[in-house]
Amino acid sequence: MWAVGVDGSILHYNGFTWSSFSSGTTDILFGVWASSGADVWAVGGANGMILHYNGSSWSTVFSGTTSPNFLTGIWGSSSSDLWAVGDTGDTILHGTPAG
C-alpha cells in the first residue's frame, strides 16, 4: 500500500511496517497509483507534476500540461494507460507520460 501527502511525503506499507521514500520534491502530493512495486505513479504540486517510481527511485515525469492547477488523482490499467485529473475539473490527462 502507498500513501502520499504534504512536503512530498511518500510512504509504503509492506503489510508489517511503513517505510518513507524521498520524492525529490517538497510540494504536496495528492494521489498515488501502482501497478506493481516497481511501477508506482504519484501526482500533486502545481503545473501538472507527475512522479514515477521504478522500483529503486522516484523521478519527475513530464505530464504534457501547463495548467497551473494541481493534479489530484491518478489511476491506470497499466503504465501505458494512465488517467490523471486536476483539482478544478478542467484538466484530464490520458496516456503514457513522457519520461
PDB file of N, CA and C in Angstrom:
ATOM      1  N   MET A   1       0.848  -1.159   0.000  1.00  0.00           N
ATOM      2  CA  MET A   1       0.000   0.000   0.000  1.00  0.00           C
ATOM      3  C   MET A   1       0.903   1.234   0.000  1.00  0.00           C
ATOM      4  N   TRP A   2       0.505   2.248  -0.769  1.00  0.00           N
ATOM      5  CA  TRP A   2       1.245   3.500  -0.873  1.00  0.00           C
ATOM      6  C   TRP A   2       0.384   4.651  -0.367  1.00  0.00           C
ATOM      7  N   ALA A   3       1.031   5.658   0.231  1.00  0.00           N
ATOM      8  CA  ALA A   3       0.353   6.869   0.689  1.00  0.00           C
ATOM      9  C   ALA A   3       1.237   8.065   0.372  1.00  0.00           C
ATOM     10  N   VAL A   4       0.613   9.198   0.021  1.00  0.00           N
ATOM     11  CA  VAL A   4       1.348  10.426  -0.276  1.00  0.00           C
ATOM     12  C   VAL A   4       0.729  11.578   0.492  1.00  0.00           C
ATOM     13  N   GLY A   5       1.478  12.696   0.619  1.00  0.00           N
ATOM     14  CA  GLY A   5       0.933  13.825   1.352  1.00  0.00           C
ATOM     15  C   GLY A   5       1.781  15.072   1.299  1.00  0.00           C
ATOM     16  N   VAL A   6       1.725  15.841   2.382  1.00  0.00           N
ATOM     17  CA  VAL A   6       2.389  17.145   2.443  1.00  0.00           C
ATOM     18  C   VAL A   6       3.907  17.008   2.376  1.00  0.00           C
ATOM     19  N   ASP A   7       4.538  18.091   1.914  1.00  0.00           N
ATOM     20  CA  ASP A   7       6.006  18.166   1.804  1.00  0.00           C
ATOM     21  C   ASP A   7       6.604  17.036   0.966  1.00  0.00           C
ATOM     22  N   GLY A   8       5.852  16.550  -0.007  1.00  0.00           N
ATOM     23  CA  GLY A   8       6.356  15.496  -0.889  1.00  0.00           C
ATOM     24  C   GLY A   8       6.493  14.140  -0.227  1.00  0.00           C
ATOM     25  N   SER A   9       5.788  13.940   0.884  1.00  0.00           N
ATOM     26  CA  SER A   9       5.947  12.675   1.616  1.00  0.00           C
ATOM     27  C   SER A   9       5.349  11.504   0.841  1.00  0.00           C
ATOM     28  N   ILE A  10       6.108  10.404   0.838  1.00  0.00           N
ATOM     29  CA  ILE A  10       5.668   9.158   0.223  1.00  0.00           C
ATOM     30  C   ILE A  10       5.972   8.035   1.213  1.00  0.00           C
ATOM     31  N   LEU A  11       4.940   7.240   1.496  1.00  0.00           N
ATOM     32  CA  LEU A  11       5.078   6.122   2.421  1.00  0.00           C
ATOM     33  C   LEU A  11       4.620   4.839   1.751  1.00  0.00           C
ATOM     34  N   HIS A  12       5.262   3.744   2.126  1.00  0.00           N
ATOM     35  CA  HIS A  12       4.873   2.424   1.626  1.00  0.00           C
ATOM     36  C   HIS A  12       4.689   1.481   2.811  1.00  0.00           C
ATOM     37  N   TYR A  13       3.593   0.730   2.793  1.00  0.00           N
ATOM     38  CA  TYR A  13       3.297  -0.251   3.827  1.00  0.00           C
ATOM     39  C   TYR A  13       3.410  -1.642   3.217  1.00  0.00           C
ATOM     40  N   ASN A  14       4.280  -2.469   3.782  1.00  0.00           N
ATOM     41  CA  ASN A  14       4.512  -3.808   3.231  1.00  0.00           C
ATOM     42  C   ASN A  14       3.682  -4.892   3.913  1.00  0.00           C
ATOM     43  N   GLY A  15       2.741  -4.492   4.744  1.00  0.00           N
ATOM     44  CA  GLY A  15       1.925  -5.446   5.485  1.00  0.00           C
ATOM     45  C   GLY A  15       2.335  -5.565   6.935  1.00  0.00           C
ATOM     46  N   PHE A  16       3.534  -5.032   7.249  1.00  0.00           N
ATOM     47  CA  PHE A  16       4.051  -5.090   8.615  1.00  0.00           C
ATOM     48  C   PHE A  16       4.521  -3.731   9.121  1.00  0.00           C
ATOM     49  N   THR A  17       5.227  -2.983   8.263  1.00  0.00           N
ATOM     50  CA  THR A  17       5.783  -1.698   8.667  1.00  0.00           C
ATOM     51  C   THR A  17       5.656  -0.679   7.541  1.00  0.00           C
ATOM     52  N   TRP A  18       5.682   0.612   7.925  1.00  0.00           N
ATOM     53  CA  TRP A  18       5.678   1.718   6.970  1.00  0.00           C
ATOM     54  C   TRP A  18       7.121   2.141   6.714  1.00  0.00           C
ATOM     55  N   SER A  19       7.448   2.433   5.462  1.00  0.00           N
ATOM     56  CA  SER A  19       8.757   2.959   5.066  1.00  0.00           C
ATOM     57  C   SER A  19       8.548   4.286   4.357  1.00  0.00           C
ATOM     58  N   SER A  20       9.473   5.213   4.577  1.00  0.00           N
ATOM     59  CA  SER A  20       9.417   6.525   3.948  1.00  0.00           C
ATOM     60  C   SER A  20      10.350   6.564   2.748  1.00  0.00           C
ATOM     61  N   PHE A  21       9.918   7.233   1.682  1.00  0.00           N
ATOM     62  CA  PHE A  21      10.714   7.382   0.469  1.00  0.00           C
ATOM     63  C   PHE A  21      10.933   8.859   0.173  1.00  0.00           C
ATOM     64  N   SER A  22      12.078   9.190  -0.390  1.00  0.00           N
ATOM     65  CA  SER A  22      12.348  10.554  -0.833  1.00  0.00           C
ATOM     66  C   SER A  22      11.741  10.755  -2.209  1.00  0.00           C
ATOM     67  N   SER A  23      10.875  11.770  -2.322  1.00  0.00           N
ATOM     68  CA  SER A  23      10.216  12.037  -3.604  1.00  0.00           C
ATOM     69  C   SER A  23      10.992  13.017  -4.462  1.00  0.00           C
ATOM     70  N   GLY A  24      11.910  13.759  -3.839  1.00  0.00           N
ATOM     71  CA  GLY A  24      12.654  14.780  -4.570  1.00  0.00           C
ATOM     72  C   GLY A  24      11.915  16.098  -4.675  1.00  0.00           C
ATOM     73  N   THR A  25      10.782  16.233  -3.996  1.00  0.00           N
ATOM     74  CA  THR A  25      10.021  17.482  -4.017  1.00  0.00           C
ATOM     75  C   THR A  25       9.502  17.787  -2.614  1.00  0.00           C
ATOM     76  N   THR A  26       9.222  19.056  -2.382  1.00  0.00           N
ATOM     77  CA  THR A  26       8.572  19.453  -1.134  1.00  0.00           C
ATOM     78  C   THR A  26       7.132  19.887  -1.394  1.00  0.00           C
ATOM     79  N   ASP A  27       6.685  19.741  -2.635  1.00  0.00           N
ATOM     80  CA  ASP A  27       5.289  20.048  -2.987  1.00  0.00           C
ATOM     81  C   ASP A  27       4.361  18.987  -2.402  1.00  0.00           C
ATOM     82  N   ILE A  28       3.126  19.387  -2.157  1.00  0.00           N
ATOM     83  CA  ILE A  28       2.124  18.440  -1.675  1.00  0.00           C
ATOM     84  C   ILE A  28       1.782  17.442  -2.773  1.00  0.00           C
ATOM     85  N   LEU A  29       1.622  16.191  -2.390  1.00  0.00           N
ATOM     86  CA  LEU A  29       1.208  15.139  -3.311  1.00  0.00           C
ATOM     87  C   LEU A  29      -0.200  14.707  -2.923  1.00  0.00           C
ATOM     88  N   PHE A  30      -1.056  14.547  -3.914  1.00  0.00           N
ATOM     89  CA  PHE A  30      -2.470  14.267  -3.662  1.00  0.00           C
ATOM     90  C   PHE A  30      -2.915  12.850  -3.989  1.00  0.00           C
ATOM     91  N   GLY A  31      -2.296  12.215  -4.977  1.00  0.00           N
ATOM     92  CA  GLY A  31      -2.776  10.911  -5.407  1.00  0.00           C
ATOM     93  C   GLY A  31      -1.646   9.974  -5.751  1.00  0.00           C
ATOM     94  N   VAL A  32      -1.896   8.677  -5.604  1.00  0.00           N
ATOM     95  CA  VAL A  32      -0.892   7.661  -5.936  1.00  0.00           C
ATOM     96  C   VAL A  32      -1.607   6.426  -6.471  1.00  0.00           C
ATOM     97  N   TRP A  33      -0.976   5.771  -7.427  1.00  0.00           N
ATOM     98  CA  TRP A  33      -1.490   4.539  -8.007  1.00  0.00           C
ATOM     99  C   TRP A  33      -0.314   3.655  -8.381  1.00  0.00           C
ATOM    100  N   ALA A  34      -0.445   2.346  -8.188  1.00  0.00           N
ATOM    101  CA  ALA A  34       0.639   1.413  -8.504  1.00  0.00           C
ATOM    102  C   ALA A  34       0.104   0.205  -9.243  1.00  0.00           C
ATOM    103  N   SER A  35       0.839  -0.227 -10.254  1.00  0.00           N
ATOM    104  CA  SER A  35       0.509  -1.488 -10.912  1.00  0.00           C
ATOM    105  C   SER A  35       1.355  -2.613 -10.341  1.00  0.00           C
ATOM    106  N   SER A  36       2.491  -2.233  -9.707  1.00  0.00           N
ATOM    107  CA  SER A  36       3.390  -3.197  -9.058  1.00  0.00           C
ATOM    108  C   SER A  36       4.332  -2.408  -8.152  1.00  0.00           C
ATOM    109  N   GLY A  37       5.177  -3.098  -7.424  1.00  0.00           N
ATOM    110  CA  GLY A  37       6.147  -2.436  -6.561  1.00  0.00           C
ATOM    111  C   GLY A  37       7.222  -1.685  -7.333  1.00  0.00           C
ATOM    112  N   ALA A  38       7.334  -1.967  -8.618  1.00  0.00           N
ATOM    113  CA  ALA A  38       8.328  -1.299  -9.461  1.00  0.00           C
ATOM    114  C   ALA A  38       7.673  -0.399 -10.500  1.00  0.00           C
ATOM    115  N   ASP A  39       6.413  -0.062 -10.289  1.00  0.00           N
ATOM    116  CA  ASP A  39       5.701   0.815 -11.222  1.00  0.00           C
ATOM    117  C   ASP A  39       4.638   1.592 -10.438  1.00  0.00           C
ATOM    118  N   VAL A  40       5.079   2.692  -9.818  1.00  0.00           N
ATOM    119  CA  VAL A  40       4.217   3.481  -8.954  1.00  0.00           C
ATOM    120  C   VAL A  40       4.196   4.912  -9.484  1.00  0.00           C
ATOM    121  N   TRP A  41       3.017   5.533  -9.504  1.00  0.00           N
ATOM    122  CA  TRP A  41       2.827   6.879 -10.024  1.00  0.00           C
ATOM    123  C   TRP A  41       2.189   7.749  -8.960  1.00  0.00           C
ATOM    124  N   ALA A  42       2.645   8.998  -8.832  1.00  0.00           N
ATOM    125  CA  ALA A  42       2.066   9.945  -7.879  1.00  0.00           C
ATOM    126  C   ALA A  42       1.865  11.285  -8.573  1.00  0.00           C
ATOM    127  N   VAL A  43       0.868  12.038  -8.124  1.00  0.00           N
ATOM    128  CA  VAL A  43       0.583  13.354  -8.691  1.00  0.00           C
ATOM    129  C   VAL A  43       0.408  14.376  -7.580  1.00  0.00           C
ATOM    130  N   GLY A  44       0.657  15.640  -7.933  1.00  0.00           N
ATOM    131  CA  GLY A  44       0.474  16.730  -6.984  1.00  0.00           C
ATOM    132  C   GLY A  44       1.222  17.959  -7.445  1.00  0.00           C
ATOM    133  N   GLY A  45       1.474  18.866  -6.509  1.00  0.00           N
ATOM    134  CA  GLY A  45       2.166  20.090  -6.860  1.00  0.00           C
ATOM    135  C   GLY A  45       1.402  20.858  -7.927  1.00  0.00           C
ATOM    136  N   ALA A  46       1.960  21.935  -8.372  1.00  0.00           N
ATOM    137  CA  ALA A  46       1.344  22.733  -9.430  1.00  0.00           C
ATOM    138  C   ALA A  46       1.941  22.352 -10.783  1.00  0.00           C
ATOM    139  N   ASN A  47       1.300  22.817 -11.826  1.00  0.00           N
ATOM    140  CA  ASN A  47       1.796  22.646 -13.196  1.00  0.00           C
ATOM    141  C   ASN A  47       1.880  21.196 -13.644  1.00  0.00           C
ATOM    142  N   GLY A  48       0.971  20.375 -13.161  1.00  0.00           N
ATOM    143  CA  GLY A  48       0.872  19.011 -13.667  1.00  0.00           C
ATOM    144  C   GLY A  48       1.985  18.071 -13.265  1.00  0.00           C
ATOM    145  N   MET A  49       2.447  18.131 -12.022  1.00  0.00           N
ATOM    146  CA  MET A  49       3.548  17.270 -11.589  1.00  0.00           C
ATOM    147  C   MET A  49       3.115  15.805 -11.520  1.00  0.00           C
ATOM    148  N   ILE A  50       3.907  14.955 -12.171  1.00  0.00           N
ATOM    149  CA  ILE A  50       3.743  13.505 -12.076  1.00  0.00           C
ATOM    150  C   ILE A  50       5.099  12.930 -11.677  1.00  0.00           C
ATOM    151  N   LEU A  51       5.079  12.016 -10.713  1.00  0.00           N
ATOM    152  CA  LEU A  51       6.286  11.315 -10.289  1.00  0.00           C
ATOM    153  C   LEU A  51       6.125   9.832 -10.605  1.00  0.00           C
ATOM    154  N   HIS A  52       7.241   9.169 -10.927  1.00  0.00           N
ATOM    155  CA  HIS A  52       7.227   7.730 -11.202  1.00  0.00           C
ATOM    156  C   HIS A  52       8.303   7.033 -10.373  1.00  0.00           C
ATOM    157  N   TYR A  53       7.928   5.899  -9.786  1.00  0.00           N
ATOM    158  CA  TYR A  53       8.865   5.057  -9.042  1.00  0.00           C
ATOM    159  C   TYR A  53       9.091   3.782  -9.838  1.00  0.00           C
ATOM    160  N   ASN A  54      10.364   3.474 -10.116  1.00  0.00           N
ATOM    161  CA  ASN A  54      10.710   2.322 -10.949  1.00  0.00           C
ATOM    162  C   ASN A  54      11.185   1.115 -10.149  1.00  0.00           C
ATOM    163  N   GLY A  55      10.980   1.157  -8.857  1.00  0.00           N
ATOM    164  CA  GLY A  55      11.432   0.069  -8.002  1.00  0.00           C
ATOM    165  C   GLY A  55      12.663   0.410  -7.199  1.00  0.00           C
ATOM    166  N   SER A  56      13.361   1.497  -7.606  1.00  0.00           N
ATOM    167  CA  SER A  56      14.545   1.912  -6.851  1.00  0.00           C
ATOM    168  C   SER A  56      14.576   3.405  -6.537  1.00  0.00           C
ATOM    169  N   SER A  57      13.976   4.240  -7.389  1.00  0.00           N
ATOM    170  CA  SER A  57      13.979   5.679  -7.108  1.00  0.00           C
ATOM    171  C   SER A  57      12.797   6.366  -7.787  1.00  0.00           C
ATOM    172  N   TRP A  58      12.462   7.544  -7.254  1.00  0.00           N
ATOM    173  CA  TRP A  58      11.388   8.385  -7.807  1.00  0.00           C
ATOM    174  C   TRP A  58      11.988   9.401  -8.763  1.00  0.00           C
ATOM    175  N   SER A  59      11.302   9.693  -9.857  1.00  0.00           N
ATOM    176  CA  SER A  59      11.738  10.720 -10.798  1.00  0.00           C
ATOM    177  C   SER A  59      10.521  11.499 -11.287  1.00  0.00           C
ATOM    178  N   THR A  60      10.762  12.745 -11.701  1.00  0.00           N
ATOM    179  CA  THR A  60       9.705  13.588 -12.250  1.00  0.00           C
ATOM    180  C   THR A  60       9.489  13.224 -13.709  1.00  0.00           C
ATOM    181  N   VAL A  61       8.230  13.169 -14.115  1.00  0.00           N
ATOM    182  CA  VAL A  61       7.859  12.823 -15.477  1.00  0.00           C
ATOM    183  C   VAL A  61       7.049  13.980 -16.047  1.00  0.00           C
ATOM    184  N   PHE A  62       7.337  14.363 -17.283  1.00  0.00           N
ATOM    185  CA  PHE A  62       6.618  15.451 -17.932  1.00  0.00           C
ATOM    186  C   PHE A  62       5.186  15.022 -18.197  1.00  0.00           C
ATOM    187  N   SER A  63       4.227  15.825 -17.727  1.00  0.00           N
ATOM    188  CA  SER A  63       2.818  15.467 -17.867  1.00  0.00           C
ATOM    189  C   SER A  63       2.202  15.934 -19.178  1.00  0.00           C
ATOM    190  N   GLY A  64       2.832  16.900 -19.810  1.00  0.00           N
ATOM    191  CA  GLY A  64       2.276  17.422 -21.046  1.00  0.00           C
ATOM    192  C   GLY A  64       1.283  18.546 -20.837  1.00  0.00           C
ATOM    193  N   THR A  65       1.084  18.974 -19.595  1.00  0.00           N
ATOM    194  CA  THR A  65       0.160  20.071 -19.335  1.00  0.00           C
ATOM    195  C   THR A  65       0.901  21.256 -18.735  1.00  0.00           C
ATOM    196  N   THR A  66       0.423  22.435 -19.041  1.00  0.00           N
ATOM    197  CA  THR A  66       0.978  23.647 -18.446  1.00  0.00           C
ATOM    198  C   THR A  66      -0.038  24.291 -17.519  1.00  0.00           C
ATOM    199  N   SER A  67      -1.093  23.555 -17.221  1.00  0.00           N
ATOM    200  CA  SER A  67      -2.131  24.068 -16.333  1.00  0.00           C
ATOM    201  C   SER A  67      -1.532  24.386 -14.970  1.00  0.00           C
ATOM    202  N   PRO A  68      -1.849  25.548 -14.407  1.00  0.00           N
ATOM    203  CA  PRO A  68      -1.305  25.877 -13.080  1.00  0.00           C
ATOM    204  C   PRO A  68      -2.012  25.134 -11.956  1.00  0.00           C
ATOM    205  N   ASN A  69      -3.035  24.385 -12.287  1.00  0.00           N
ATOM    206  CA  ASN A  69      -3.793  23.663 -11.271  1.00  0.00           C
ATOM    207  C   ASN A  69      -3.067  22.401 -10.825  1.00  0.00           C
ATOM    208  N   PHE A  70      -3.454  21.929  -9.655  1.00  0.00           N
ATOM    209  CA  PHE A  70      -2.896  20.697  -9.119  1.00  0.00           C
ATOM    210  C   PHE A  70      -3.507  19.484  -9.802  1.00  0.00           C
ATOM    211  N   LEU A  71      -2.692  18.449 -10.031  1.00  0.00           N
ATOM    212  CA  LEU A  71      -3.237  17.150 -10.375  1.00  0.00           C
ATOM    213  C   LEU A  71      -3.540  16.472  -9.044  1.00  0.00           C
ATOM    214  N   THR A  72      -4.751  15.969  -8.888  1.00  0.00           N
ATOM    215  CA  THR A  72      -5.175  15.446  -7.590  1.00  0.00           C
ATOM    216  C   THR A  72      -5.456  13.953  -7.577  1.00  0.00           C
ATOM    217  N   GLY A  73      -5.550  13.338  -8.729  1.00  0.00           N
ATOM    218  CA  GLY A  73      -5.835  11.914  -8.764  1.00  0.00           C
ATOM    219  C   GLY A  73      -5.179  11.248  -9.943  1.00  0.00           C
ATOM    220  N   ILE A  74      -4.825   9.967  -9.770  1.00  0.00           N
ATOM    221  CA  ILE A  74      -4.237   9.190 -10.861  1.00  0.00           C
ATOM    222  C   ILE A  74      -4.705   7.750 -10.736  1.00  0.00           C
ATOM    223  N   TRP A  75      -4.964   7.141 -11.886  1.00  0.00           N
ATOM    224  CA  TRP A  75      -5.386   5.740 -11.961  1.00  0.00           C
ATOM    225  C   TRP A  75      -4.994   5.209 -13.322  1.00  0.00           C
ATOM    226  N   GLY A  76      -4.791   3.920 -13.413  1.00  0.00           N
ATOM    227  CA  GLY A  76      -4.486   3.328 -14.699  1.00  0.00           C
ATOM    228  C   GLY A  76      -4.806   1.856 -14.745  1.00  0.00           C
ATOM    229  N   SER A  77      -4.825   1.311 -15.946  1.00  0.00           N
ATOM    230  CA  SER A  77      -4.939  -0.132 -16.116  1.00  0.00           C
ATOM    231  C   SER A  77      -3.569  -0.734 -16.411  1.00  0.00           C
ATOM    232  N   SER A  78      -2.602   0.138 -16.758  1.00  0.00           N
ATOM    233  CA  SER A  78      -1.210  -0.248 -16.998  1.00  0.00           C
ATOM    234  C   SER A  78      -0.383   1.035 -17.073  1.00  0.00           C
ATOM    235  N   SER A  79       0.936   0.894 -17.197  1.00  0.00           N
ATOM    236  CA  SER A  79       1.807   2.072 -17.312  1.00  0.00           C
ATOM    237  C   SER A  79       1.564   2.875 -18.576  1.00  0.00           C
ATOM    238  N   SER A  80       0.978   2.250 -19.576  1.00  0.00           N
ATOM    239  CA  SER A  80       0.710   2.965 -20.825  1.00  0.00           C
ATOM    240  C   SER A  80      -0.737   3.421 -20.942  1.00  0.00           C
ATOM    241  N   ASP A  81      -1.516   3.203 -19.882  1.00  0.00           N
ATOM    242  CA  ASP A  81      -2.922   3.614 -19.891  1.00  0.00           C
ATOM    243  C   ASP A  81      -3.252   4.288 -18.565  1.00  0.00           C
ATOM    244  N   LEU A  82      -2.692   5.488 -18.370  1.00  0.00           N
ATOM    245  CA  LEU A  82      -2.883   6.240 -17.136  1.00  0.00           C
ATOM    246  C   LEU A  82      -3.866   7.380 -17.331  1.00  0.00           C
ATOM    247  N   TRP A  83      -4.618   7.675 -16.285  1.00  0.00           N
ATOM    248  CA  TRP A  83      -5.530   8.818 -16.244  1.00  0.00           C
ATOM    249  C   TRP A  83      -5.142   9.669 -15.054  1.00  0.00           C
ATOM    250  N   ALA A  84      -5.004  10.978 -15.252  1.00  0.00           N
ATOM    251  CA  ALA A  84      -4.750  11.917 -14.155  1.00  0.00           C
ATOM    252  C   ALA A  84      -5.757  13.056 -14.278  1.00  0.00           C
ATOM    253  N   VAL A  85      -6.237  13.531 -13.141  1.00  0.00           N
ATOM    254  CA  VAL A  85      -7.236  14.599 -13.146  1.00  0.00           C
ATOM    255  C   VAL A  85      -6.788  15.751 -12.265  1.00  0.00           C
ATOM    256  N   GLY A  86      -7.284  16.951 -12.608  1.00  0.00           N
ATOM    257  CA  GLY A  86      -6.932  18.159 -11.883  1.00  0.00           C
ATOM    258  C   GLY A  86      -7.974  18.552 -10.860  1.00  0.00           C
ATOM    259  N   ASP A  87      -7.612  19.539 -10.038  1.00  0.00           N
ATOM    260  CA  ASP A  87      -8.459  19.929  -8.911  1.00  0.00           C
ATOM    261  C   ASP A  87      -9.658  20.775  -9.302  1.00  0.00           C
ATOM    262  N   THR A  88      -9.656  21.404 -10.456  1.00  0.00           N
ATOM    263  CA  THR A  88     -10.787  22.251 -10.828  1.00  0.00           C
ATOM    264  C   THR A  88     -11.682  21.612 -11.877  1.00  0.00           C
ATOM    265  N   GLY A  89     -11.377  20.388 -12.261  1.00  0.00           N
ATOM    266  CA  GLY A  89     -12.204  19.684 -13.227  1.00  0.00           C
ATOM    267  C   GLY A  89     -11.929  20.031 -14.669  1.00  0.00           C
ATOM    268  N   ASP A  90     -10.971  20.932 -14.927  1.00  0.00           N
ATOM    269  CA  ASP A  90     -10.692  21.308 -16.311  1.00  0.00           C
ATOM    270  C   ASP A  90      -9.460  20.608 -16.880  1.00  0.00           C
ATOM    271  N   THR A  91      -8.825  19.742 -16.094  1.00  0.00           N
ATOM    272  CA  THR A  91      -7.659  19.014 -16.582  1.00  0.00           C
ATOM    273  C   THR A  91      -7.898  17.519 -16.441  1.00  0.00           C
ATOM    274  N   ILE A  92      -7.877  16.816 -17.570  1.00  0.00           N
ATOM    275  CA  ILE A  92      -7.953  15.366 -17.606  1.00  0.00           C
ATOM    276  C   ILE A  92      -6.890  14.904 -18.578  1.00  0.00           C
ATOM    277  N   LEU A  93      -5.939  14.107 -18.098  1.00  0.00           N
ATOM    278  CA  LEU A  93      -4.848  13.603 -18.924  1.00  0.00           C
ATOM    279  C   LEU A  93      -5.008  12.105 -19.089  1.00  0.00           C
ATOM    280  N   HIS A  94      -4.677  11.599 -20.277  1.00  0.00           N
ATOM    281  CA  HIS A  94      -4.751  10.176 -20.534  1.00  0.00           C
ATOM    282  C   HIS A  94      -3.602   9.761 -21.430  1.00  0.00           C
ATOM    283  N   GLY A  95      -3.001   8.638 -21.143  1.00  0.00           N
ATOM    284  CA  GLY A  95      -1.950   8.109 -21.998  1.00  0.00           C
ATOM    285  C   GLY A  95      -0.753   7.663 -21.207  1.00  0.00           C
ATOM    286  N   THR A  96       0.411   7.809 -21.826  1.00  0.00           N
ATOM    287  CA  THR A  96       1.681   7.440 -21.228  1.00  0.00           C
ATOM    288  C   THR A  96       2.494   8.708 -21.013  1.00  0.00           C
ATOM    289  N   PRO A  97       2.760   9.089 -19.748  1.00  0.00           N
ATOM    290  CA  PRO A  97       3.595  10.275 -19.527  1.00  0.00           C
ATOM    291  C   PRO A  97       4.980  10.092 -20.120  1.00  0.00           C
ATOM    292  N   ALA A  98       5.554  11.159 -20.665  1.00  0.00           N
ATOM    293  CA  ALA A  98       6.891  11.105 -21.258  1.00  0.00           C
ATOM    294  C   ALA A  98       7.932  11.090 -20.153  1.00  0.00           C
ATOM    295  N   GLY A  99       8.864  10.164 -20.233  1.00  0.00           N
ATOM    296  CA  GLY A  99       9.891  10.022 -19.207  1.00  0.00           C
ATOM    297  C   GLY A  99      11.120  10.813 -19.470  1.00  0.00           C
TER     298      GLY A  99
END
